[in-house]
Amino acid sequence: MKVLYIGDVMAEMGIKAVEHVLHDLRKEEQIDLVIAQSENVTDGKGMTVADYERLRRAGVDAFSGGNHTPVLAELFPLLDDVAAPVVGPANMTACPGSGYKIVRAGDKSVLIVSMLGDIVGKQSDTLMENPLTSIDKILSIVPPSSYDVSVVNLHGDFSSEKLIYGYYLDGRVSLVVGDHWHVPTADADILPKGTAHITDVGMCGSLDSSLGVKFSSIIPRWRDGIQTRNELETEGRTQFCAVLADIDEAKGHARGIKQIRKVW
């Protein structure tokens, strides 16, 4: 089975990037399942139902989450609905839903789990359970016979934490993806016990920006101490970042993983 995990879809430019790339990419790579990190979809924070439906039409099958997932209440019914392919962090106290769901990909089943790692800045005090004990709990209560492939994302700020998470789950899940940085790391790999891993997958959206935000709204804040609001970049180059994992569904282990980065 081929699983594509798309990095943070950042606002309108991110949605358009997915719409521009995904249809042809699915055919070229014969992809069975597409998962997108969705916490930044609508104006950089959360995801509306309309944007969810738009990305579904673009070819996204399922959606992982992060610290901004519970910002928009209209998404709550989808998070709570076991049949809707949208998850937020399982260990984030304020996020509705279980944080994990099983979705279908052809005749196979895929367990998708979202977790929150440490977040710095304004949301550094976000209440959450330990992501290590939380994933242990989920893997203990979800019967292994109920899924063929398992994908876990850790949405956090520290590379060490996301690397540790991959090795902690090595051999226990099929794919571990770190996200939240919006900048891809160059370490996509299959770990010793068969789990595919990357520390950070990157983002989809504006390239000529500070992680999707205009430099003009960031630099005065940093240089001069002026209080400014983030303004989303809508011009310049666009990027699409993802990882594609080839998974042996009979064993649940990865055969390969490669990064995909397109810029135009």
C-alpha atoms as a PDB file:
ATOM      1  CA  MET A   1       0.000   0.000   0.000  1.00  0.00           C
ATOM      2  CA  LYS A   2       1.205   3.492  -0.845  1.00  0.00           C
ATOM      3  CA  VAL A   3       0.338   6.193   1.685  1.00  0.00           C
ATOM      4  CA  LEU A   4       0.958   9.889   0.984  1.00  0.00           C
ATOM      5  CA  TYR A   5       1.182  12.198   3.987  1.00  0.00           C
ATOM      6  CA  ILE A   6       0.899  15.888   3.052  1.00  0.00           C
ATOM      7  CA  GLY A   7       2.509  18.527   5.284  1.00  0.00           C
ATOM      8  CA  ASP A   8       0.586  21.377   6.921  1.00  0.00           C
ATOM      9  CA  VAL A   9      -1.845  22.804   4.370  1.00  0.00           C
ATOM     10  CA  MET A  10      -1.385  26.505   5.089  1.00  0.00           C
ATOM     11  CA  ALA A  11      -4.375  28.686   4.183  1.00  0.00           C
ATOM     12  CA  GLU A  12      -5.571  29.429   0.650  1.00  0.00           C
ATOM     13  CA  MET A  13      -2.184  29.026  -1.025  1.00  0.00           C
ATOM     14  CA  GLY A  14      -1.858  25.639   0.648  1.00  0.00           C
ATOM     15  CA  ILE A  15      -5.266  24.479  -0.542  1.00  0.00           C
ATOM     16  CA  LYS A  16      -4.453  25.605  -4.076  1.00  0.00           C
ATOM     17  CA  ALA A  17      -1.124  23.772  -3.900  1.00  0.00           C
ATOM     18  CA  VAL A  18      -2.924  20.527  -3.081  1.00  0.00           C
ATOM     19  CA  GLU A  19      -5.458  21.135  -5.845  1.00  0.00           C
ATOM     20  CA  HIS A  20      -2.627  21.808  -8.298  1.00  0.00           C
ATOM     21  CA  VAL A  21      -0.520  18.744  -7.497  1.00  0.00           C
ATOM     22  CA  LEU A  22      -2.543  15.940  -5.985  1.00  0.00           C
ATOM     23  CA  HIS A  23      -4.687  14.661  -8.855  1.00  0.00           C
ATOM     24  CA  ASP A  24      -1.739  13.911 -11.136  1.00  0.00           C
ATOM     25  CA  LEU A  25       0.483  12.759  -8.280  1.00  0.00           C
ATOM     26  CA  ARG A  26      -2.040  10.134  -7.192  1.00  0.00           C
ATOM     27  CA  LYS A  27      -2.055   8.675 -10.686  1.00  0.00           C
ATOM     28  CA  GLU A  28       1.711   8.879 -11.240  1.00  0.00           C
ATOM     29  CA  GLU A  29       2.587   7.193  -7.947  1.00  0.00           C
ATOM     30  CA  GLN A  30      -0.476   4.910  -7.762  1.00  0.00           C
ATOM     31  CA  ILE A  31      -1.279   6.173  -4.272  1.00  0.00           C
ATOM     32  CA  ASP A  32      -3.833   4.245  -2.213  1.00  0.00           C
ATOM     33  CA  LEU A  33      -4.427   6.723   0.641  1.00  0.00           C
ATOM     34  CA  VAL A  34      -3.789  10.445   1.110  1.00  0.00           C
ATOM     35  CA  ILE A  35      -3.628  12.037   4.575  1.00  0.00           C
ATOM     36  CA  ALA A  36      -3.194  15.806   5.008  1.00  0.00           C
ATOM     37  CA  GLN A  37      -2.197  17.784   8.081  1.00  0.00           C
ATOM     38  CA  SER A  38      -5.187  20.099   8.430  1.00  0.00           C
ATOM     39  CA  GLU A  39      -4.725  22.349  11.459  1.00  0.00           C
ATOM     40  CA  ASN A  40      -3.776  25.409   9.360  1.00  0.00           C
ATOM     41  CA  VAL A  41      -6.188  25.030   6.449  1.00  0.00           C
ATOM     42  CA  THR A  42      -8.621  27.922   6.947  1.00  0.00           C
ATOM     43  CA  ASP A  43      -6.837  31.274   7.203  1.00  0.00           C
ATOM     44  CA  GLY A  44      -3.993  29.546   9.030  1.00  0.00           C
ATOM     45  CA  LYS A  45      -6.029  28.274  11.990  1.00  0.00           C
ATOM     46  CA  GLY A  46      -8.347  25.277  11.970  1.00  0.00           C
ATOM     47  CA  MET A  47     -10.476  23.978   9.116  1.00  0.00           C
ATOM     48  CA  THR A  48     -14.020  24.823   8.070  1.00  0.00           C
ATOM     49  CA  VAL A  49     -16.365  22.178   6.754  1.00  0.00           C
ATOM     50  CA  ALA A  50     -16.331  23.928   3.367  1.00  0.00           C
ATOM     51  CA  ASP A  51     -12.541  23.682   3.147  1.00  0.00           C
ATOM     52  CA  TYR A  52     -12.678  20.072   4.327  1.00  0.00           C
ATOM     53  CA  GLU A  53     -15.043  19.272   1.471  1.00  0.00           C
ATOM     54  CA  ARG A  54     -12.860  21.205  -0.973  1.00  0.00           C
ATOM     55  CA  LEU A  55      -9.797  19.161  -0.029  1.00  0.00           C
ATOM     56  CA  ARG A  56     -11.789  15.943  -0.269  1.00  0.00           C
ATOM     57  CA  ARG A  57     -12.685  16.904  -3.832  1.00  0.00           C
ATOM     58  CA  ALA A  58      -8.988  17.551  -4.490  1.00  0.00           C
ATOM     59  CA  GLY A  59      -8.198  13.954  -3.529  1.00  0.00           C
ATOM     60  CA  VAL A  60      -7.453  14.003   0.214  1.00  0.00           C
ATOM     61  CA  ASP A  61      -8.874  10.953   1.985  1.00  0.00           C
ATOM     62  CA  ALA A  62      -8.166  11.745   5.641  1.00  0.00           C
ATOM     63  CA  PHE A  63      -6.998  14.582   7.876  1.00  0.00           C
ATOM     64  CA  SER A  64      -4.634  14.708  10.853  1.00  0.00           C
ATOM     65  CA  GLY A  65      -4.544  17.512  13.394  1.00  0.00           C
ATOM     66  CA  GLY A  66      -2.499  19.798  15.600  1.00  0.00           C
ATOM     67  CA  ASN A  67      -2.769  22.591  18.151  1.00  0.00           C
ATOM     68  CA  HIS A  68      -5.184  24.693  16.049  1.00  0.00           C
ATOM     69  CA  THR A  69      -7.574  21.835  15.256  1.00  0.00           C
ATOM     70  CA  PRO A  70     -10.192  22.808  17.894  1.00  0.00           C
ATOM     71  CA  VAL A  71     -10.227  26.520  16.985  1.00  0.00           C
ATOM     72  CA  LEU A  72     -13.350  26.286  14.793  1.00  0.00           C
ATOM     73  CA  ALA A  73     -16.361  24.712  16.485  1.00  0.00           C
ATOM     74  CA  GLU A  74     -18.014  23.777  13.192  1.00  0.00           C
ATOM     75  CA  LEU A  75     -15.410  21.007  12.821  1.00  0.00           C
ATOM     76  CA  PHE A  76     -16.394  19.376  16.139  1.00  0.00           C
ATOM     77  CA  PRO A  77     -19.117  17.101  14.671  1.00  0.00           C
ATOM     78  CA  LEU A  78     -16.603  15.686  12.189  1.00  0.00           C
ATOM     79  CA  LEU A  79     -14.054  15.123  14.954  1.00  0.00           C
ATOM     80  CA  ASP A  80     -16.681  13.307  17.033  1.00  0.00           C
ATOM     81  CA  ASP A  81     -18.083  11.259  14.142  1.00  0.00           C
ATOM     82  CA  VAL A  82     -16.275   7.893  13.972  1.00  0.00           C
ATOM     83  CA  ALA A  83     -17.143   7.656  10.276  1.00  0.00           C
ATOM     84  CA  ALA A  84     -15.630  11.051   9.342  1.00  0.00           C
ATOM     85  CA  PRO A  85     -11.915  10.818   8.397  1.00  0.00           C
ATOM     86  CA  VAL A  86     -10.799  13.758  10.554  1.00  0.00           C
ATOM     87  CA  VAL A  87      -8.768  13.488  13.762  1.00  0.00           C
ATOM     88  CA  GLY A  88      -7.291  15.980  16.188  1.00  0.00           C
ATOM     89  CA  PRO A  89      -4.574  15.262  18.757  1.00  0.00           C
ATOM     90  CA  ALA A  90      -5.606  12.367  20.985  1.00  0.00           C
ATOM     91  CA  ASN A  91      -3.664  13.776  23.941  1.00  0.00           C
ATOM     92  CA  MET A  92      -4.919  17.389  23.666  1.00  0.00           C
ATOM     93  CA  THR A  93      -7.386  17.925  26.487  1.00  0.00           C
ATOM     94  CA  ALA A  94      -9.455  20.595  24.711  1.00  0.00           C
ATOM     95  CA  CYS A  95      -9.832  18.744  21.402  1.00  0.00           C
ATOM     96  CA  PRO A  96     -13.035  16.789  20.699  1.00  0.00           C
ATOM     97  CA  GLY A  97     -12.935  13.260  19.363  1.00  0.00           C
ATOM     98  CA  SER A  98     -10.844  10.236  20.201  1.00  0.00           C
ATOM     99  CA  GLY A  99      -7.734  11.356  18.301  1.00  0.00           C
ATOM    100  CA  TYR A 100      -7.713   8.175  16.264  1.00  0.00           C
ATOM    101  CA  LYS A 101      -9.892   6.596  13.579  1.00  0.00           C
ATOM    102  CA  ILE A 102      -9.810   3.673  11.202  1.00  0.00           C
ATOM    103  CA  VAL A 103     -10.363   4.510   7.545  1.00  0.00           C
ATOM    104  CA  ARG A 104     -10.682   2.317   4.480  1.00  0.00           C
ATOM    105  CA  ALA A 105      -8.268   2.295   1.562  1.00  0.00           C
ATOM    106  CA  GLY A 106      -9.648  -0.109  -1.001  1.00  0.00           C
ATOM    107  CA  ASP A 107     -10.011  -3.447   0.774  1.00  0.00           C
ATOM    108  CA  LYS A 108      -7.570  -2.492   3.548  1.00  0.00           C
ATOM    109  CA  SER A 109      -8.006  -0.615   6.829  1.00  0.00           C
ATOM    110  CA  VAL A 110      -5.697   2.110   8.118  1.00  0.00           C
ATOM    111  CA  LEU A 111      -5.436   3.323  11.705  1.00  0.00           C
ATOM    112  CA  ILE A 112      -4.723   7.075  11.833  1.00  0.00           C
ATOM    113  CA  VAL A 113      -3.584   8.603  15.124  1.00  0.00           C
ATOM    114  CA  SER A 114      -2.768  12.250  15.798  1.00  0.00           C
ATOM    115  CA  MET A 115      -0.676  13.426  18.755  1.00  0.00           C
ATOM    116  CA  LEU A 116       0.471  16.781  20.090  1.00  0.00           C
ATOM    117  CA  GLY A 117       4.059  17.343  21.136  1.00  0.00           C
ATOM    118  CA  ASP A 118       5.483  20.325  22.948  1.00  0.00           C
ATOM    119  CA  ILE A 119       4.412  23.686  21.500  1.00  0.00           C
ATOM    120  CA  VAL A 120       6.385  26.859  22.221  1.00  0.00           C
ATOM    121  CA  GLY A 121       5.097  30.436  22.226  1.00  0.00           C
ATOM    122  CA  LYS A 122       1.523  31.481  22.933  1.00  0.00           C
ATOM    123  CA  GLN A 123       0.229  27.920  23.176  1.00  0.00           C
ATOM    124  CA  SER A 124       3.026  26.564  25.332  1.00  0.00           C
ATOM    125  CA  ASP A 125       0.595  26.062  28.214  1.00  0.00           C
ATOM    126  CA  THR A 126      -1.789  23.858  26.186  1.00  0.00           C
ATOM    127  CA  LEU A 127      -3.054  21.061  28.403  1.00  0.00           C
ATOM    128  CA  MET A 128      -2.130  17.641  27.093  1.00  0.00           C
ATOM    129  CA  GLU A 129      -1.371  14.135  28.211  1.00  0.00           C
ATOM    130  CA  ASN A 130       2.016  12.568  27.653  1.00  0.00           C
ATOM    131  CA  PRO A 131       2.169  11.546  23.954  1.00  0.00           C
ATOM    132  CA  LEU A 132       4.130   8.378  24.764  1.00  0.00           C
ATOM    133  CA  THR A 133       1.666   7.001  27.285  1.00  0.00           C
ATOM    134  CA  SER A 134      -1.248   8.197  25.156  1.00  0.00           C
ATOM    135  CA  ILE A 135      -0.134   6.221  22.106  1.00  0.00           C
ATOM    136  CA  ASP A 136       0.533   3.189  24.301  1.00  0.00           C
ATOM    137  CA  LYS A 137      -3.054   3.392  25.536  1.00  0.00           C
ATOM    138  CA  ILE A 138      -4.495   3.639  22.004  1.00  0.00           C
ATOM    139  CA  LEU A 139      -2.424   0.751  20.666  1.00  0.00           C
ATOM    140  CA  SER A 140      -3.525  -1.368  23.605  1.00  0.00           C
ATOM    141  CA  ILE A 141      -7.259  -0.780  23.145  1.00  0.00           C
ATOM    142  CA  VAL A 142      -7.503  -0.873  19.320  1.00  0.00           C
ATOM    143  CA  PRO A 143      -7.338  -4.519  18.220  1.00  0.00           C
ATOM    144  CA  PRO A 144      -4.440  -5.081  15.790  1.00  0.00           C
ATOM    145  CA  SER A 145      -6.763  -7.286  13.769  1.00  0.00           C
ATOM    146  CA  SER A 146      -8.956  -4.244  12.995  1.00  0.00           C
ATOM    147  CA  TYR A 147      -6.359  -2.536  10.754  1.00  0.00           C
ATOM    148  CA  ASP A 148      -3.631  -3.443   8.270  1.00  0.00           C
ATOM    149  CA  VAL A 149      -1.565  -0.233   8.305  1.00  0.00           C
ATOM    150  CA  SER A 150      -1.023   2.409  10.985  1.00  0.00           C
ATOM    151  CA  VAL A 151      -0.020   6.075  10.601  1.00  0.00           C
ATOM    152  CA  VAL A 152       0.831   8.391  13.505  1.00  0.00           C
ATOM    153  CA  ASN A 153       1.712  12.082  13.378  1.00  0.00           C
ATOM    154  CA  LEU A 154       3.400  14.026  16.177  1.00  0.00           C
ATOM    155  CA  HIS A 155       2.703  17.747  15.910  1.00  0.00           C
ATOM    156  CA  GLY A 156       5.405  19.494  17.898  1.00  0.00           C
ATOM    157  CA  ASP A 157       8.252  21.981  17.993  1.00  0.00           C
ATOM    158  CA  PHE A 158      11.234  19.880  19.058  1.00  0.00           C
ATOM    159  CA  SER A 159      13.165  17.745  16.594  1.00  0.00           C
ATOM    160  CA  SER A 160      14.496  15.575  19.430  1.00  0.00           C
ATOM    161  CA  GLU A 161      10.965  14.801  20.582  1.00  0.00           C
ATOM    162  CA  LYS A 162       9.780  13.872  17.089  1.00  0.00           C
ATOM    163  CA  LEU A 163      12.853  11.702  16.504  1.00  0.00           C
ATOM    164  CA  ILE A 164      12.389   9.924  19.830  1.00  0.00           C
ATOM    165  CA  TYR A 165       8.752   9.320  18.959  1.00  0.00           C
ATOM    166  CA  GLY A 166       9.708   7.546  15.767  1.00  0.00           C
ATOM    167  CA  TYR A 167      12.107   5.218  17.543  1.00  0.00           C
ATOM    168  CA  TYR A 168       9.653   4.689  20.411  1.00  0.00           C
ATOM    169  CA  LEU A 169       7.099   3.396  17.896  1.00  0.00           C
ATOM    170  CA  ASP A 170       9.580   1.610  15.631  1.00  0.00           C
ATOM    171  CA  GLY A 171       8.181  -1.793  14.721  1.00  0.00           C
ATOM    172  CA  ARG A 172       4.820  -0.999  16.315  1.00  0.00           C
ATOM    173  CA  VAL A 173       3.297   1.223  13.603  1.00  0.00           C
ATOM    174  CA  SER A 174       3.836   1.629   9.868  1.00  0.00           C
ATOM    175  CA  LEU A 175       4.607   5.361   9.541  1.00  0.00           C
ATOM    176  CA  VAL A 176       5.457   8.155  11.991  1.00  0.00           C
ATOM    177  CA  VAL A 177       5.413  11.705  10.630  1.00  0.00           C
ATOM    178  CA  GLY A 178       6.513  14.827  12.456  1.00  0.00           C
ATOM    179  CA  ASP A 179       4.859  18.100  11.501  1.00  0.00           C
ATOM    180  CA  HIS A 180       4.223  21.690  12.708  1.00  0.00           C
ATOM    181  CA  TRP A 181       7.567  23.241  11.692  1.00  0.00           C
ATOM    182  CA  HIS A 182       6.481  23.918   8.095  1.00  0.00           C
ATOM    183  CA  VAL A 183      10.132  23.325   7.109  1.00  0.00           C
ATOM    184  CA  PRO A 184      10.995  19.813   5.850  1.00  0.00           C
ATOM    185  CA  THR A 185      13.867  17.847   7.317  1.00  0.00           C
ATOM    186  CA  ALA A 186      16.124  15.677   5.175  1.00  0.00           C
ATOM    187  CA  ASP A 187      15.892  12.495   7.229  1.00  0.00           C
ATOM    188  CA  ALA A 188      13.101  10.366   5.721  1.00  0.00           C
ATOM    189  CA  ASP A 189      14.129   6.824   6.594  1.00  0.00           C
ATOM    190  CA  ILE A 190      13.011   3.330   7.520  1.00  0.00           C
ATOM    191  CA  LEU A 191      13.994   2.711  11.137  1.00  0.00           C
ATOM    192  CA  PRO A 192      15.667  -0.564  12.188  1.00  0.00           C
ATOM    193  CA  LYS A 193      12.430  -2.376  13.096  1.00  0.00           C
ATOM    194  CA  GLY A 194      10.518  -1.375   9.969  1.00  0.00           C
ATOM    195  CA  THR A 195       8.732   1.911  10.719  1.00  0.00           C
ATOM    196  CA  ALA A 196       8.991   4.724   8.155  1.00  0.00           C
ATOM    197  CA  HIS A 197       9.795   8.074   9.772  1.00  0.00           C
ATOM    198  CA  ILE A 198      10.521  11.723   9.078  1.00  0.00           C
ATOM    199  CA  THR A 199      11.182  14.391  11.696  1.00  0.00           C
ATOM    200  CA  ASP A 200       9.210  17.051   9.819  1.00  0.00           C
ATOM    201  CA  VAL A 201       7.370  16.778   6.527  1.00  0.00           C
ATOM    202  CA  GLY A 202       7.134  20.525   5.795  1.00  0.00           C
ATOM    203  CA  MET A 203       4.135  22.483   4.494  1.00  0.00           C
ATOM    204  CA  CYS A 204       2.007  23.336   1.479  1.00  0.00           C
ATOM    205  CA  GLY A 205       1.548  26.990   0.615  1.00  0.00           C
ATOM    206  CA  SER A 206       3.720  30.078   0.348  1.00  0.00           C
ATOM    207  CA  LEU A 207       7.460  29.509   0.009  1.00  0.00           C
ATOM    208  CA  ASP A 208       8.586  33.168   0.006  1.00  0.00           C
ATOM    209  CA  SER A 209       7.343  33.814   3.532  1.00  0.00           C
ATOM    210  CA  SER A 210       7.900  33.034   7.193  1.00  0.00           C
ATOM    211  CA  LEU A 211       6.090  29.671   7.268  1.00  0.00           C
ATOM    212  CA  GLY A 212       3.212  31.170   5.287  1.00  0.00           C
ATOM    213  CA  VAL A 213       3.216  34.595   6.954  1.00  0.00           C
ATOM    214  CA  LYS A 214       4.393  37.819   5.295  1.00  0.00           C
ATOM    215  CA  PHE A 215       7.891  38.922   6.279  1.00  0.00           C
ATOM    216  CA  SER A 216       6.563  42.477   6.613  1.00  0.00           C
ATOM    217  CA  SER A 217       4.409  41.438   9.557  1.00  0.00           C
ATOM    218  CA  ILE A 218       7.143  39.399  11.255  1.00  0.00           C
ATOM    219  CA  ILE A 219      10.356  41.422  10.925  1.00  0.00           C
ATOM    220  CA  PRO A 220       9.142  44.602  12.735  1.00  0.00           C
ATOM    221  CA  ARG A 221       7.965  42.438  15.634  1.00  0.00           C
ATOM    222  CA  TRP A 222      11.312  40.668  15.857  1.00  0.00           C
ATOM    223  CA  ARG A 223      13.617  43.615  15.111  1.00  0.00           C
ATOM    224  CA  ASP A 224      11.782  46.510  16.755  1.00  0.00           C
ATOM    225  CA  GLY A 225       9.505  44.910  19.341  1.00  0.00           C
ATOM    226  CA  ILE A 226       6.402  46.268  17.609  1.00  0.00           C
ATOM    227  CA  GLN A 227       3.202  44.341  18.250  1.00  0.00           C
ATOM    228  CA  THR A 228       1.916  43.163  14.877  1.00  0.00           C
ATOM    229  CA  ARG A 229      -0.642  40.689  13.592  1.00  0.00           C
ATOM    230  CA  ASN A 230       0.304  37.833  11.308  1.00  0.00           C
ATOM    231  CA  GLU A 231      -0.613  38.527   7.688  1.00  0.00           C
ATOM    232  CA  LEU A 232      -0.784  35.527   5.405  1.00  0.00           C
ATOM    233  CA  GLU A 233       1.328  35.678   2.251  1.00  0.00           C
ATOM    234  CA  THR A 234      -0.702  35.344  -0.940  1.00  0.00           C
ATOM    235  CA  GLU A 235       1.967  36.017  -3.572  1.00  0.00           C
ATOM    236  CA  GLY A 236       5.294  34.557  -4.671  1.00  0.00           C
ATOM    237  CA  ARG A 237       6.336  30.952  -5.106  1.00  0.00           C
ATOM    238  CA  THR A 238       4.272  28.002  -3.941  1.00  0.00           C
ATOM    239  CA  GLN A 239       5.516  24.783  -2.368  1.00  0.00           C
ATOM    240  CA  PHE A 240       4.046  21.316  -1.891  1.00  0.00           C
ATOM    241  CA  CYS A 241       5.714  19.055   0.687  1.00  0.00           C
ATOM    242  CA  ALA A 242       4.817  15.449   1.477  1.00  0.00           C
ATOM    243  CA  VAL A 243       6.222  11.991   2.133  1.00  0.00           C
ATOM    244  CA  LEU A 244       5.220   8.839   0.295  1.00  0.00           C
ATOM    245  CA  ALA A 245       5.512   5.565   2.201  1.00  0.00           C
ATOM    246  CA  ASP A 246       5.328   2.141   0.587  1.00  0.00           C
ATOM    247  CA  ILE A 247       3.953  -0.241   3.211  1.00  0.00           C
ATOM    248  CA  ASP A 248       3.691  -4.010   3.272  1.00  0.00           C
ATOM    249  CA  GLU A 249       0.150  -4.306   4.595  1.00  0.00           C
ATOM    250  CA  ALA A 250       0.619  -8.009   5.380  1.00  0.00           C
ATOM    251  CA  LYS A 251       3.272  -7.122   7.978  1.00  0.00           C
ATOM    252  CA  GLY A 252       2.367  -3.485   8.657  1.00  0.00           C
ATOM    253  CA  HIS A 253       5.978  -2.439   8.066  1.00  0.00           C
ATOM    254  CA  ALA A 254       7.390  -0.009   5.503  1.00  0.00           C
ATOM    255  CA  ARG A 255       9.303  -1.056   2.405  1.00  0.00           C
ATOM    256  CA  GLY A 256      10.277   2.487   1.460  1.00  0.00           C
ATOM    257  CA  ILE A 257       9.756   6.178   2.075  1.00  0.00           C
ATOM    258  CA  LYS A 258      10.583   9.187  -0.080  1.00  0.00           C
ATOM    259  CA  GLN A 259      10.126  12.913   0.258  1.00  0.00           C
ATOM    260  CA  ILE A 260       8.175  14.857  -2.326  1.00  0.00           C
ATOM    261  CA  ARG A 261       8.780  18.594  -2.694  1.00  0.00           C
ATOM    262  CA  LYS A 262       7.486  20.627  -5.586  1.00  0.00           C
ATOM    263  CA  VAL A 263       8.038  24.369  -6.063  1.00  0.00           C
ATOM    264  CA  TRP A 264       6.564  26.656  -8.725  1.00  0.00           C
END
